[in-house]
Amino acid sequence: GRPARLAVVDEDGCIVEAGNDVAQTVWAIAITTYCTALL
């Protein structure tokens, strides 16, 4: 139940970006992809 964050991790295991911006972007891409598929 503890909060966690999404992150972009490179092939060496280094965190490149993390946090709410990553989560919101992933969400927006998912919704936009779905809508694009429908249209």
All heavy atoms as atom14 arrays in JSON, in Angstrom:
{
  "sequence": "GRPARLAVVDEDGCIVEAGNDVAQTVWAIAITTYCTALL",
  "atom14_mask": [
    [1, 1, 1, 1, 0, 0, 0, 0, 0, 0, 0, 0, 0, 0],
    [1, 1, 1, 1, 1, 1, 1, 1, 1, 1, 1, 0, 0, 0],
    [1, 1, 1, 1, 1, 1, 1, 0, 0, 0, 0, 0, 0, 0],
    [1, 1, 1, 1, 1, 0, 0, 0, 0, 0, 0, 0, 0, 0],
    [1, 1, 1, 1, 1, 1, 1, 1, 1, 1, 1, 0, 0, 0],
    [1, 1, 1, 1, 1, 1, 1, 1, 0, 0, 0, 0, 0, 0],
    [1, 1, 1, 1, 1, 0, 0, 0, 0, 0, 0, 0, 0, 0],
    [1, 1, 1, 1, 1, 1, 1, 0, 0, 0, 0, 0, 0, 0],
    [1, 1, 1, 1, 1, 1, 1, 0, 0, 0, 0, 0, 0, 0],
    [1, 1, 1, 1, 1, 1, 1, 1, 0, 0, 0, 0, 0, 0],
    [1, 1, 1, 1, 1, 1, 1, 1, 1, 0, 0, 0, 0, 0],
    [1, 1, 1, 1, 1, 1, 1, 1, 0, 0, 0, 0, 0, 0],
    [1, 1, 1, 1, 0, 0, 0, 0, 0, 0, 0, 0, 0, 0],
    [1, 1, 1, 1, 1, 1, 0, 0, 0, 0, 0, 0, 0, 0],
    [1, 1, 1, 1, 1, 1, 1, 1, 0, 0, 0, 0, 0, 0],
    [1, 1, 1, 1, 1, 1, 1, 0, 0, 0, 0, 0, 0, 0],
    [1, 1, 1, 1, 1, 1, 1, 1, 1, 0, 0, 0, 0, 0],
    [1, 1, 1, 1, 1, 0, 0, 0, 0, 0, 0, 0, 0, 0],
    [1, 1, 1, 1, 0, 0, 0, 0, 0, 0, 0, 0, 0, 0],
    [1, 1, 1, 1, 1, 1, 1, 1, 0, 0, 0, 0, 0, 0],
    [1, 1, 1, 1, 1, 1, 1, 1, 0, 0, 0, 0, 0, 0],
    [1, 1, 1, 1, 1, 1, 1, 0, 0, 0, 0, 0, 0, 0],
    [1, 1, 1, 1, 1, 0, 0, 0, 0, 0, 0, 0, 0, 0],
    [1, 1, 1, 1, 1, 1, 1, 1, 1, 0, 0, 0, 0, 0],
    [1, 1, 1, 1, 1, 1, 1, 0, 0, 0, 0, 0, 0, 0],
    [1, 1, 1, 1, 1, 1, 1, 0, 0, 0, 0, 0, 0, 0],
    [1, 1, 1, 1, 1, 1, 1, 1, 1, 1, 1, 1, 1, 1],
    [1, 1, 1, 1, 1, 0, 0, 0, 0, 0, 0, 0, 0, 0],
    [1, 1, 1, 1, 1, 1, 1, 1, 0, 0, 0, 0, 0, 0],
    [1, 1, 1, 1, 1, 0, 0, 0, 0, 0, 0, 0, 0, 0],
    [1, 1, 1, 1, 1, 1, 1, 1, 0, 0, 0, 0, 0, 0],
    [1, 1, 1, 1, 1, 1, 1, 0, 0, 0, 0, 0, 0, 0],
    [1, 1, 1, 1, 1, 1, 1, 0, 0, 0, 0, 0, 0, 0],
    [1, 1, 1, 1, 1, 1, 1, 1, 1, 1, 1, 1, 0, 0],
    [1, 1, 1, 1, 1, 1, 0, 0, 0, 0, 0, 0, 0, 0],
    [1, 1, 1, 1, 1, 1, 1, 0, 0, 0, 0, 0, 0, 0],
    [1, 1, 1, 1, 1, 0, 0, 0, 0, 0, 0, 0, 0, 0],
    [1, 1, 1, 1, 1, 1, 1, 1, 0, 0, 0, 0, 0, 0],
    [1, 1, 1, 1, 1, 1, 1, 1, 0, 0, 0, 0, 0, 0]
  ],
  "atom14_positions": [
    [[0.78, -1.23, 0.0], [0.0, 0.0, 0.0], [0.81, 1.28, 0.0], [0.26, 2.36, -0.18], [0.0, 0.0, 0.0], [0.0, 0.0, 0.0], [0.0, 0.0, 0.0], [0.0, 0.0, 0.0], [0.0, 0.0, 0.0], [0.0, 0.0, 0.0], [0.0, 0.0, 0.0], [0.0, 0.0, 0.0], [0.0, 0.0, 0.0], [0.0, 0.0, 0.0]],
    [[2.12, 1.19, 0.21], [2.95, 2.39, 0.19], [3.0, 2.96, -1.23], [3.0, 2.21, -2.2], [4.37, 2.09, 0.67], [4.44, 1.76, 2.14], [5.87, 1.5, 2.59], [6.33, 0.25, 1.97], [7.58, 0.0, 1.63], [8.53, 0.9, 1.83], [7.92, -1.16, 1.09], [0.0, 0.0, 0.0], [0.0, 0.0, 0.0], [0.0, 0.0, 0.0]],
    [[3.06, 4.29, -1.36], [3.14, 4.9, -2.7], [4.45, 4.55, -3.39], [5.48, 4.33, -2.74], [3.05, 6.39, -2.44], [3.18, 6.6, -0.98], [3.02, 5.28, -0.3], [0.0, 0.0, 0.0], [0.0, 0.0, 0.0], [0.0, 0.0, 0.0], [0.0, 0.0, 0.0], [0.0, 0.0, 0.0], [0.0, 0.0, 0.0], [0.0, 0.0, 0.0]],
    [[4.41, 4.51, -4.71], [5.59, 4.23, -5.52], [5.56, 5.17, -6.72], [4.59, 5.9, -6.93], [5.61, 2.77, -5.97], [0.0, 0.0, 0.0], [0.0, 0.0, 0.0], [0.0, 0.0, 0.0], [0.0, 0.0, 0.0], [0.0, 0.0, 0.0], [0.0, 0.0, 0.0], [0.0, 0.0, 0.0], [0.0, 0.0, 0.0], [0.0, 0.0, 0.0]],
    [[6.64, 5.16, -7.51], [6.72, 6.03, -8.68], [7.15, 5.21, -9.89], [7.89, 4.25, -9.77], [7.75, 7.14, -8.47], [7.41, 8.04, -7.33], [8.38, 9.19, -7.2], [9.75, 8.71, -7.0], [10.82, 9.46, -7.16], [10.69, 10.71, -7.54], [12.02, 8.98, -6.94], [0.0, 0.0, 0.0], [0.0, 0.0, 0.0], [0.0, 0.0, 0.0]],
    [[6.68, 5.63, -11.06], [7.17, 5.04, -12.31], [8.48, 5.7, -12.69], [8.71, 6.87, -12.37], [6.16, 5.25, -13.44], [4.89, 4.42, -13.39], [4.0, 4.77, -14.58], [5.19, 2.94, -13.39], [0.0, 0.0, 0.0], [0.0, 0.0, 0.0], [0.0, 0.0, 0.0], [0.0, 0.0, 0.0], [0.0, 0.0, 0.0], [0.0, 0.0, 0.0]],
    [[9.33, 4.95, -13.38], [10.62, 5.5, -13.8], [10.99, 4.97, -15.17], [10.57, 3.9, -15.58], [11.71, 5.13, -12.79], [0.0, 0.0, 0.0], [0.0, 0.0, 0.0], [0.0, 0.0, 0.0], [0.0, 0.0, 0.0], [0.0, 0.0, 0.0], [0.0, 0.0, 0.0], [0.0, 0.0, 0.0], [0.0, 0.0, 0.0], [0.0, 0.0, 0.0]],
    [[11.82, 5.75, -15.87], [12.45, 5.31, -17.11], [13.87, 4.92, -16.73], [14.61, 5.72, -16.16], [12.46, 6.44, -18.16], [13.2, 5.99, -19.41], [11.04, 6.88, -18.49], [0.0, 0.0, 0.0], [0.0, 0.0, 0.0], [0.0, 0.0, 0.0], [0.0, 0.0, 0.0], [0.0, 0.0, 0.0], [0.0, 0.0, 0.0], [0.0, 0.0, 0.0]],
    [[14.22, 3.67, -17.01], [15.52, 3.14, -16.63], [16.27, 2.75, -17.88], [15.74, 2.02, -18.73], [15.35, 1.91, -15.69], [16.7, 1.37, -15.26], [14.49, 2.28, -14.49], [0.0, 0.0, 0.0], [0.0, 0.0, 0.0], [0.0, 0.0, 0.0], [0.0, 0.0, 0.0], [0.0, 0.0, 0.0], [0.0, 0.0, 0.0], [0.0, 0.0, 0.0]],
    [[17.52, 3.21, -18.02], [18.29, 2.86, -19.21], [18.85, 1.44, -19.1], [18.67, 0.77, -18.07], [19.38, 3.9, -19.52], [20.55, 3.89, -18.54], [20.68, 2.94, -17.73], [21.34, 4.85, -18.58], [0.0, 0.0, 0.0], [0.0, 0.0, 0.0], [0.0, 0.0, 0.0], [0.0, 0.0, 0.0], [0.0, 0.0, 0.0], [0.0, 0.0, 0.0]],
    [[19.49, 0.97, -20.14], [19.96, -0.41, -20.19], [21.04, -0.71, -19.15], [21.3, -1.87, -18.83], [20.46, -0.78, -21.58], [21.62, 0.06, -22.06], [21.97, -0.21, -23.5], [21.13, -0.72, -24.26], [23.11, 0.1, -23.88], [0.0, 0.0, 0.0], [0.0, 0.0, 0.0], [0.0, 0.0, 0.0], [0.0, 0.0, 0.0], [0.0, 0.0, 0.0]],
    [[21.66, 0.33, -18.57], [22.66, 0.14, -17.52], [22.05, 0.17, -16.12], [22.76, 0.05, -15.12], [23.75, 1.22, -17.62], [24.52, 1.13, -18.93], [24.77, 0.0, -19.4], [24.86, 2.2, -19.47], [0.0, 0.0, 0.0], [0.0, 0.0, 0.0], [0.0, 0.0, 0.0], [0.0, 0.0, 0.0], [0.0, 0.0, 0.0], [0.0, 0.0, 0.0]],
    [[20.74, 0.35, -16.05], [20.06, 0.37, -14.76], [19.99, 1.75, -14.12], [19.57, 1.87, -12.97], [0.0, 0.0, 0.0], [0.0, 0.0, 0.0], [0.0, 0.0, 0.0], [0.0, 0.0, 0.0], [0.0, 0.0, 0.0], [0.0, 0.0, 0.0], [0.0, 0.0, 0.0], [0.0, 0.0, 0.0], [0.0, 0.0, 0.0], [0.0, 0.0, 0.0]],
    [[20.39, 2.78, -14.84], [20.35, 4.14, -14.3], [18.96, 4.75, -14.53], [18.4, 4.63, -15.62], [21.39, 5.03, -14.98], [23.08, 4.49, -14.69], [0.0, 0.0, 0.0], [0.0, 0.0, 0.0], [0.0, 0.0, 0.0], [0.0, 0.0, 0.0], [0.0, 0.0, 0.0], [0.0, 0.0, 0.0], [0.0, 0.0, 0.0], [0.0, 0.0, 0.0]],
    [[18.42, 5.38, -13.5], [17.13, 6.06, -13.63], [17.34, 7.36, -14.38], [18.11, 8.22, -13.95], [16.51, 6.31, -12.25], [16.23, 4.97, -11.56], [15.24, 7.15, -12.38], [15.74, 5.11, -10.14], [0.0, 0.0, 0.0], [0.0, 0.0, 0.0], [0.0, 0.0, 0.0], [0.0, 0.0, 0.0], [0.0, 0.0, 0.0], [0.0, 0.0, 0.0]],
    [[16.67, 7.48, -15.52], [16.79, 8.66, -16.37], [15.75, 9.71, -15.99], [16.04, 10.89, -15.94], [16.66, 8.26, -17.86], [16.74, 9.47, -18.76], [17.7, 7.22, -18.23], [0.0, 0.0, 0.0], [0.0, 0.0, 0.0], [0.0, 0.0, 0.0], [0.0, 0.0, 0.0], [0.0, 0.0, 0.0], [0.0, 0.0, 0.0], [0.0, 0.0, 0.0]],
    [[14.53, 9.26, -15.73], [13.43, 10.13, -15.31], [12.53, 9.32, -14.4], [12.42, 8.11, -14.56], [12.61, 10.63, -16.5], [13.35, 11.55, -17.43], [12.46, 12.09, -18.53], [11.64, 12.98, -18.23], [12.59, 11.62, -19.66], [0.0, 0.0, 0.0], [0.0, 0.0, 0.0], [0.0, 0.0, 0.0], [0.0, 0.0, 0.0], [0.0, 0.0, 0.0]],
    [[11.89, 10.0, -13.46], [10.97, 9.3, -12.55], [9.94, 10.27, -12.01], [10.14, 11.49, -12.05], [11.75, 8.68, -11.39], [0.0, 0.0, 0.0], [0.0, 0.0, 0.0], [0.0, 0.0, 0.0], [0.0, 0.0, 0.0], [0.0, 0.0, 0.0], [0.0, 0.0, 0.0], [0.0, 0.0, 0.0], [0.0, 0.0, 0.0], [0.0, 0.0, 0.0]],
    [[8.84, 9.73, -11.54], [7.85, 10.54, -10.85], [6.55, 10.76, -11.59], [6.22, 10.04, -12.53], [0.0, 0.0, 0.0], [0.0, 0.0, 0.0], [0.0, 0.0, 0.0], [0.0, 0.0, 0.0], [0.0, 0.0, 0.0], [0.0, 0.0, 0.0], [0.0, 0.0, 0.0], [0.0, 0.0, 0.0], [0.0, 0.0, 0.0], [0.0, 0.0, 0.0]],
    [[5.83, 11.78, -11.14], [4.49, 12.05, -11.68], [4.5, 12.38, -13.16], [3.57, 12.02, -13.88], [3.83, 13.18, -10.89], [3.45, 12.76, -9.49], [3.26, 11.58, -9.23], [3.37, 13.71, -8.6], [0.0, 0.0, 0.0], [0.0, 0.0, 0.0], [0.0, 0.0, 0.0], [0.0, 0.0, 0.0], [0.0, 0.0, 0.0], [0.0, 0.0, 0.0]],
    [[5.54, 13.08, -13.64], [5.6, 13.41, -15.06], [5.66, 12.15, -15.92], [5.01, 12.06, -16.97], [6.8, 14.3, -15.38], [6.64, 15.72, -14.86], [5.5, 16.1, -14.52], [7.65, 16.43, -14.8], [0.0, 0.0, 0.0], [0.0, 0.0, 0.0], [0.0, 0.0, 0.0], [0.0, 0.0, 0.0], [0.0, 0.0, 0.0], [0.0, 0.0, 0.0]],
    [[6.42, 11.17, -15.48], [6.51, 9.9, -16.21], [5.15, 9.2, -16.2], [4.66, 8.75, -17.24], [7.61, 8.98, -15.63], [7.58, 7.6, -16.29], [8.98, 9.61, -15.78], [0.0, 0.0, 0.0], [0.0, 0.0, 0.0], [0.0, 0.0, 0.0], [0.0, 0.0, 0.0], [0.0, 0.0, 0.0], [0.0, 0.0, 0.0], [0.0, 0.0, 0.0]],
    [[4.52, 9.13, -15.05], [3.21, 8.47, -14.95], [2.17, 9.16, -15.82], [1.42, 8.5, -16.54], [2.75, 8.45, -13.49], [0.0, 0.0, 0.0], [0.0, 0.0, 0.0], [0.0, 0.0, 0.0], [0.0, 0.0, 0.0], [0.0, 0.0, 0.0], [0.0, 0.0, 0.0], [0.0, 0.0, 0.0], [0.0, 0.0, 0.0], [0.0, 0.0, 0.0]],
    [[2.13, 10.5, -15.78], [1.15, 11.23, -16.59], [1.42, 11.06, -18.08], [0.48, 10.94, -18.87], [1.17, 12.72, -16.22], [0.52, 13.03, -14.89], [-0.94, 12.64, -14.82], [-1.35, 12.04, -13.83], [-1.74, 12.96, -15.79], [0.0, 0.0, 0.0], [0.0, 0.0, 0.0], [0.0, 0.0, 0.0], [0.0, 0.0, 0.0], [0.0, 0.0, 0.0]],
    [[2.68, 11.01, -18.47], [3.01, 10.83, -19.88], [2.63, 9.42, -20.35], [2.06, 9.27, -21.43], [4.51, 11.1, -20.13], [4.78, 12.45, -19.75], [4.89, 10.9, -21.58], [0.0, 0.0, 0.0], [0.0, 0.0, 0.0], [0.0, 0.0, 0.0], [0.0, 0.0, 0.0], [0.0, 0.0, 0.0], [0.0, 0.0, 0.0], [0.0, 0.0, 0.0]],
    [[2.93, 8.43, -19.56], [2.55, 7.06, -19.91], [1.03, 6.95, -20.04], [0.5, 6.35, -20.98], [3.09, 6.05, -18.88], [2.49, 4.66, -19.08], [4.61, 5.98, -18.96], [0.0, 0.0, 0.0], [0.0, 0.0, 0.0], [0.0, 0.0, 0.0], [0.0, 0.0, 0.0], [0.0, 0.0, 0.0], [0.0, 0.0, 0.0], [0.0, 0.0, 0.0]],
    [[0.32, 7.57, -19.1], [-1.14, 7.57, -19.14], [-1.65, 8.25, -20.41], [-2.52, 7.71, -21.11], [-1.69, 8.27, -17.91], [-3.18, 8.28, -17.82], [-4.01, 9.32, -18.09], [-4.02, 7.19, -17.43], [-5.32, 8.95, -17.9], [-5.35, 7.65, -17.49], [-3.78, 5.89, -17.03], [-6.43, 6.84, -17.16], [-4.86, 5.08, -16.71], [-6.16, 5.56, -16.77]],
    [[-1.1, 9.41, -20.74], [-1.53, 10.15, -21.93], [-1.25, 9.36, -23.2], [-2.09, 9.32, -24.11], [-0.84, 11.51, -21.98], [0.0, 0.0, 0.0], [0.0, 0.0, 0.0], [0.0, 0.0, 0.0], [0.0, 0.0, 0.0], [0.0, 0.0, 0.0], [0.0, 0.0, 0.0], [0.0, 0.0, 0.0], [0.0, 0.0, 0.0], [0.0, 0.0, 0.0]],
    [[-0.09, 8.71, -23.28], [0.23, 7.89, -24.44], [-0.74, 6.73, -24.56], [-1.23, 6.41, -25.65], [1.69, 7.38, -24.37], [2.67, 8.55, -24.51], [1.95, 6.31, -25.42], [2.72, 9.18, -25.88], [0.0, 0.0, 0.0], [0.0, 0.0, 0.0], [0.0, 0.0, 0.0], [0.0, 0.0, 0.0], [0.0, 0.0, 0.0], [0.0, 0.0, 0.0]],
    [[-1.06, 6.08, -23.44], [-1.99, 4.95, -23.47], [-3.37, 5.37, -23.95], [-3.97, 4.73, -24.83], [-2.09, 4.31, -22.08], [0.0, 0.0, 0.0], [0.0, 0.0, 0.0], [0.0, 0.0, 0.0], [0.0, 0.0, 0.0], [0.0, 0.0, 0.0], [0.0, 0.0, 0.0], [0.0, 0.0, 0.0], [0.0, 0.0, 0.0], [0.0, 0.0, 0.0]],
    [[-3.89, 6.46, -23.41], [-5.22, 6.94, -23.8], [-5.22, 7.4, -25.26], [-6.14, 7.08, -26.03], [-5.69, 8.08, -22.87], [-5.82, 7.58, -21.44], [-6.98, 8.7, -23.37], [-6.8, 6.43, -21.26], [0.0, 0.0, 0.0], [0.0, 0.0, 0.0], [0.0, 0.0, 0.0], [0.0, 0.0, 0.0], [0.0, 0.0, 0.0], [0.0, 0.0, 0.0]],
    [[-4.19, 8.13, -25.67], [-4.11, 8.62, -27.04], [-3.98, 7.46, -28.02], [-4.61, 7.46, -29.09], [-2.93, 9.59, -27.2], [-3.09, 10.65, -26.25], [-2.88, 10.18, -28.6], [0.0, 0.0, 0.0], [0.0, 0.0, 0.0], [0.0, 0.0, 0.0], [0.0, 0.0, 0.0], [0.0, 0.0, 0.0], [0.0, 0.0, 0.0], [0.0, 0.0, 0.0]],
    [[-3.2, 6.45, -27.66], [-3.06, 5.27, -28.52], [-4.41, 4.57, -28.67], [-4.79, 4.17, -29.77], [-2.02, 4.3, -27.94], [-0.77, 4.99, -27.83], [-1.85, 3.07, -28.81], [0.0, 0.0, 0.0], [0.0, 0.0, 0.0], [0.0, 0.0, 0.0], [0.0, 0.0, 0.0], [0.0, 0.0, 0.0], [0.0, 0.0, 0.0], [0.0, 0.0, 0.0]],
    [[-5.13, 4.43, -27.58], [-6.45, 3.79, -27.61], [-7.41, 4.58, -28.5], [-8.08, 4.02, -29.38], [-7.01, 3.68, -26.19], [-8.43, 3.21, -26.14], [-8.76, 1.9, -26.47], [-9.45, 4.08, -25.77], [-10.08, 1.47, -26.43], [-10.76, 3.66, -25.73], [-11.07, 2.35, -26.06], [-12.38, 1.94, -26.03], [0.0, 0.0, 0.0], [0.0, 0.0, 0.0]],
    [[-7.46, 5.89, -28.3], [-8.36, 6.73, -29.11], [-7.98, 6.69, -30.58], [-8.84, 6.63, -31.46], [-8.35, 8.16, -28.6], [-9.11, 8.34, -26.97], [0.0, 0.0, 0.0], [0.0, 0.0, 0.0], [0.0, 0.0, 0.0], [0.0, 0.0, 0.0], [0.0, 0.0, 0.0], [0.0, 0.0, 0.0], [0.0, 0.0, 0.0], [0.0, 0.0, 0.0]],
    [[-6.68, 6.71, -30.86], [-6.2, 6.64, -32.24], [-6.61, 5.31, -32.88], [-7.02, 5.27, -34.04], [-4.67, 6.81, -32.29], [-4.34, 8.08, -31.73], [-4.15, 6.75, -33.7], [0.0, 0.0, 0.0], [0.0, 0.0, 0.0], [0.0, 0.0, 0.0], [0.0, 0.0, 0.0], [0.0, 0.0, 0.0], [0.0, 0.0, 0.0], [0.0, 0.0, 0.0]],
    [[-6.51, 4.24, -32.1], [-6.92, 2.93, -32.62], [-8.41, 2.93, -32.96], [-8.82, 2.38, -33.99], [-6.6, 1.83, -31.61], [0.0, 0.0, 0.0], [0.0, 0.0, 0.0], [0.0, 0.0, 0.0], [0.0, 0.0, 0.0], [0.0, 0.0, 0.0], [0.0, 0.0, 0.0], [0.0, 0.0, 0.0], [0.0, 0.0, 0.0], [0.0, 0.0, 0.0]],
    [[-9.21, 3.54, -32.11], [-10.65, 3.59, -32.38], [-10.96, 4.42, -33.63], [-11.81, 4.04, -34.44], [-11.39, 4.19, -31.19], [-11.43, 3.35, -29.92], [-12.14, 4.13, -28.81], [-12.13, 2.03, -30.16], [0.0, 0.0, 0.0], [0.0, 0.0, 0.0], [0.0, 0.0, 0.0], [0.0, 0.0, 0.0], [0.0, 0.0, 0.0], [0.0, 0.0, 0.0]],
    [[-10.27, 5.53, -33.77], [-10.55, 6.43, -34.89], [-9.93, 5.99, -36.21], [-10.5, 6.2, -37.28], [-10.05, 7.84, -34.57], [-10.77, 8.55, -33.42], [-10.04, 9.83, -33.05], [-12.21, 8.85, -33.81], [0.0, 0.0, 0.0], [0.0, 0.0, 0.0], [0.0, 0.0, 0.0], [0.0, 0.0, 0.0], [0.0, 0.0, 0.0], [0.0, 0.0, 0.0]]
  ]
}
